[in-house]
Every structure is written in C-alpha cells, then in structure tokens.
Amino acid sequence: MLAQATGRIREIEQQMVGGLSDTQRQELWDLLTACIEGIK
C-alpha cells in the first residue's frame, strides 16, 4: 500500500513537472508522510 501511494505521488509529480515549486513539492511529501504516520 505504501509503495503504491509513493509510486502514485511520483507519477503525479512527473505530470506536474514545472507546475510544482520546491515548496509545494515539500508540502506534498510532508502531507504524504503525515498520512503514512497516521496509518501505522
């Protein structure tokens, strides 16, 4: 499940290249990490 979610985020990132600033990308990963920590 975790690998699936991570892979999906990477896919979205690839599609959004140029559309996401470093700050937004970091925020996205922070959100993902928070979700993962909540699931554990």
PDB file of N, CA and C in Angstrom:
ATOM      1  N   MET A   1       0.838  -1.205   0.000  1.00  0.00           N
ATOM      2  CA  MET A   1       0.000   0.000   0.000  1.00  0.00           C
ATOM      3  C   MET A   1       0.871   1.252   0.000  1.00  0.00           C
ATOM      4  N   LEU A   2       1.873   1.249   0.866  1.00  0.00           N
ATOM      5  CA  LEU A   2       2.773   2.400   0.969  1.00  0.00           C
ATOM      6  C   LEU A   2       3.516   2.620  -0.338  1.00  0.00           C
ATOM      7  N   ALA A   3       4.045   1.540  -0.895  1.00  0.00           N
ATOM      8  CA  ALA A   3       4.782   1.643  -2.157  1.00  0.00           C
ATOM      9  C   ALA A   3       3.856   2.136  -3.263  1.00  0.00           C
ATOM     10  N   GLN A   4       2.617   1.694  -3.210  1.00  0.00           N
ATOM     11  CA  GLN A   4       1.619   2.094  -4.202  1.00  0.00           C
ATOM     12  C   GLN A   4       1.367   3.598  -4.107  1.00  0.00           C
ATOM     13  N   ALA A   5       1.190   4.094  -2.892  1.00  0.00           N
ATOM     14  CA  ALA A   5       0.931   5.520  -2.676  1.00  0.00           C
ATOM     15  C   ALA A   5       2.127   6.348  -3.112  1.00  0.00           C
ATOM     16  N   THR A   6       3.319   5.893  -2.759  1.00  0.00           N
ATOM     17  CA  THR A   6       4.540   6.613  -3.127  1.00  0.00           C
ATOM     18  C   THR A   6       4.693   6.653  -4.638  1.00  0.00           C
ATOM     19  N   GLY A   7       4.444   5.530  -5.277  1.00  0.00           N
ATOM     20  CA  GLY A   7       4.533   5.460  -6.734  1.00  0.00           C
ATOM     21  C   GLY A   7       3.543   6.401  -7.393  1.00  0.00           C
ATOM     22  N   ARG A   8       2.364   6.468  -6.832  1.00  0.00           N
ATOM     23  CA  ARG A   8       1.312   7.340  -7.378  1.00  0.00           C
ATOM     24  C   ARG A   8       1.721   8.804  -7.240  1.00  0.00           C
ATOM     25  N   ILE A   9       2.267   9.162  -6.098  1.00  0.00           N
ATOM     26  CA  ILE A   9       2.722  10.550  -5.888  1.00  0.00           C
ATOM     27  C   ILE A   9       3.797  10.885  -6.916  1.00  0.00           C
ATOM     28  N   ARG A  10       4.718   9.952  -7.151  1.00  0.00           N
ATOM     29  CA  ARG A  10       5.796  10.192  -8.115  1.00  0.00           C
ATOM     30  C   ARG A  10       5.207  10.400  -9.505  1.00  0.00           C
ATOM     31  N   GLU A  11       4.194   9.599  -9.855  1.00  0.00           N
ATOM     32  CA  GLU A  11       3.521   9.729 -11.158  1.00  0.00           C
ATOM     33  C   GLU A  11       2.936  11.127 -11.303  1.00  0.00           C
ATOM     34  N   ILE A  12       2.216  11.552 -10.284  1.00  0.00           N
ATOM     35  CA  ILE A  12       1.586  12.878 -10.303  1.00  0.00           C
ATOM     36  C   ILE A  12       2.660  13.944 -10.432  1.00  0.00           C
ATOM     37  N   GLU A  13       3.742  13.772  -9.684  1.00  0.00           N
ATOM     38  CA  GLU A  13       4.859  14.722  -9.733  1.00  0.00           C
ATOM     39  C   GLU A  13       5.401  14.846 -11.151  1.00  0.00           C
ATOM     40  N   GLN A  14       5.589  13.706 -11.815  1.00  0.00           N
ATOM     41  CA  GLN A  14       6.122  13.709 -13.174  1.00  0.00           C
ATOM     42  C   GLN A  14       5.212  14.508 -14.098  1.00  0.00           C
ATOM     43  N   GLN A  15       3.916  14.336 -13.938  1.00  0.00           N
ATOM     44  CA  GLN A  15       2.944  15.028 -14.777  1.00  0.00           C
ATOM     45  C   GLN A  15       2.905  16.517 -14.473  1.00  0.00           C
ATOM     46  N   MET A  16       3.327  16.891 -13.275  1.00  0.00           N
ATOM     47  CA  MET A  16       3.245  18.276 -12.847  1.00  0.00           C
ATOM     48  C   MET A  16       4.587  18.992 -12.902  1.00  0.00           C
ATOM     49  N   VAL A  17       5.574  18.364 -13.510  1.00  0.00           N
ATOM     50  CA  VAL A  17       6.896  18.979 -13.584  1.00  0.00           C
ATOM     51  C   VAL A  17       6.763  20.375 -14.177  1.00  0.00           C
ATOM     52  N   GLY A  18       7.360  21.335 -13.509  1.00  0.00           N
ATOM     53  CA  GLY A  18       7.249  22.711 -13.965  1.00  0.00           C
ATOM     54  C   GLY A  18       6.055  23.403 -13.322  1.00  0.00           C
ATOM     55  N   GLY A  19       5.106  22.613 -12.854  1.00  0.00           N
ATOM     56  CA  GLY A  19       3.918  23.173 -12.234  1.00  0.00           C
ATOM     57  C   GLY A  19       4.030  23.243 -10.718  1.00  0.00           C
ATOM     58  N   LEU A  20       4.958  22.458 -10.180  1.00  0.00           N
ATOM     59  CA  LEU A  20       5.133  22.419  -8.735  1.00  0.00           C
ATOM     60  C   LEU A  20       6.430  23.110  -8.338  1.00  0.00           C
ATOM     61  N   SER A  21       6.327  24.037  -7.417  1.00  0.00           N
ATOM     62  CA  SER A  21       7.541  24.668  -6.904  1.00  0.00           C
ATOM     63  C   SER A  21       8.142  23.723  -5.869  1.00  0.00           C
ATOM     64  N   ASP A  22       9.384  23.954  -5.483  1.00  0.00           N
ATOM     65  CA  ASP A  22      10.031  23.112  -4.475  1.00  0.00           C
ATOM     66  C   ASP A  22       9.239  23.135  -3.175  1.00  0.00           C
ATOM     67  N   THR A  23       8.709  24.297  -2.841  1.00  0.00           N
ATOM     68  CA  THR A  23       7.936  24.432  -1.606  1.00  0.00           C
ATOM     69  C   THR A  23       6.681  23.574  -1.666  1.00  0.00           C
ATOM     70  N   GLN A  24       5.995  23.613  -2.794  1.00  0.00           N
ATOM     71  CA  GLN A  24       4.780  22.817  -2.964  1.00  0.00           C
ATOM     72  C   GLN A  24       5.101  21.331  -2.933  1.00  0.00           C
ATOM     73  N   ARG A  25       6.210  20.960  -3.553  1.00  0.00           N
ATOM     74  CA  ARG A  25       6.609  19.552  -3.575  1.00  0.00           C
ATOM     75  C   ARG A  25       6.896  19.078  -2.151  1.00  0.00           C
ATOM     76  N   GLN A  26       7.605  19.896  -1.384  1.00  0.00           N
ATOM     77  CA  GLN A  26       7.924  19.551   0.001  1.00  0.00           C
ATOM     78  C   GLN A  26       6.639  19.415   0.811  1.00  0.00           C
ATOM     79  N   GLU A  27       5.708  20.320   0.573  1.00  0.00           N
ATOM     80  CA  GLU A  27       4.432  20.284   1.290  1.00  0.00           C
ATOM     81  C   GLU A  27       3.679  19.000   0.969  1.00  0.00           C
ATOM     82  N   LEU A  28       3.715  18.599  -0.302  1.00  0.00           N
ATOM     83  CA  LEU A  28       3.057  17.379  -0.747  1.00  0.00           C
ATOM     84  C   LEU A  28       3.640  16.167  -0.019  1.00  0.00           C
ATOM     85  N   TRP A  29       4.969  16.101   0.043  1.00  0.00           N
ATOM     86  CA  TRP A  29       5.632  14.988   0.714  1.00  0.00           C
ATOM     87  C   TRP A  29       5.377  15.007   2.213  1.00  0.00           C
ATOM     88  N   ASP A  30       5.311  16.219   2.804  1.00  0.00           N
ATOM     89  CA  ASP A  30       5.011  16.328   4.233  1.00  0.00           C
ATOM     90  C   ASP A  30       3.617  15.772   4.510  1.00  0.00           C
ATOM     91  N   LEU A  31       2.677  16.109   3.630  1.00  0.00           N
ATOM     92  CA  LEU A  31       1.306  15.617   3.780  1.00  0.00           C
ATOM     93  C   LEU A  31       1.273  14.096   3.661  1.00  0.00           C
ATOM     94  N   LEU A  32       1.971  13.576   2.674  1.00  0.00           N
ATOM     95  CA  LEU A  32       2.013  12.131   2.465  1.00  0.00           C
ATOM     96  C   LEU A  32       2.601  11.441   3.692  1.00  0.00           C
ATOM     97  N   THR A  33       3.701  11.999   4.194  1.00  0.00           N
ATOM     98  CA  THR A  33       4.362  11.432   5.369  1.00  0.00           C
ATOM     99  C   THR A  33       3.421  11.443   6.570  1.00  0.00           C
ATOM    100  N   ALA A  34       2.705  12.536   6.752  1.00  0.00           N
ATOM    101  CA  ALA A  34       1.759  12.646   7.860  1.00  0.00           C
ATOM    102  C   ALA A  34       0.681  11.571   7.744  1.00  0.00           C
ATOM    103  N   CYS A  35       0.198  11.346   6.524  1.00  0.00           N
ATOM    104  CA  CYS A  35      -0.820  10.321   6.293  1.00  0.00           C
ATOM    105  C   CYS A  35      -0.274   8.940   6.616  1.00  0.00           C
ATOM    106  N   ILE A  36       0.944   8.677   6.167  1.00  0.00           N
ATOM    107  CA  ILE A  36       1.573   7.376   6.393  1.00  0.00           C
ATOM    108  C   ILE A  36       1.764   7.140   7.887  1.00  0.00           C
ATOM    109  N   GLU A  37       2.244   8.159   8.601  1.00  0.00           N
ATOM    110  CA  GLU A  37       2.455   8.036  10.043  1.00  0.00           C
ATOM    111  C   GLU A  37       1.127   7.764  10.741  1.00  0.00           C
ATOM    112  N   GLY A  38       0.058   8.360  10.231  1.00  0.00           N
ATOM    113  CA  GLY A  38      -1.260   8.161  10.822  1.00  0.00           C
ATOM    114  C   GLY A  38      -1.780   6.748  10.609  1.00  0.00           C
ATOM    115  N   ILE A  39      -1.393   6.140   9.488  1.00  0.00           N
ATOM    116  CA  ILE A  39      -1.839   4.786   9.145  1.00  0.00           C
ATOM    117  C   ILE A  39      -1.129   3.736   9.995  1.00  0.00           C
ATOM    118  N   LYS A  40       0.145   3.974  10.275  1.00  0.00           N
ATOM    119  CA  LYS A  40       0.956   2.995  11.013  1.00  0.00           C
ATOM    120  C   LYS A  40       0.379   2.687  12.387  1.00  0.00           C
TER     121      LYS A  40
END
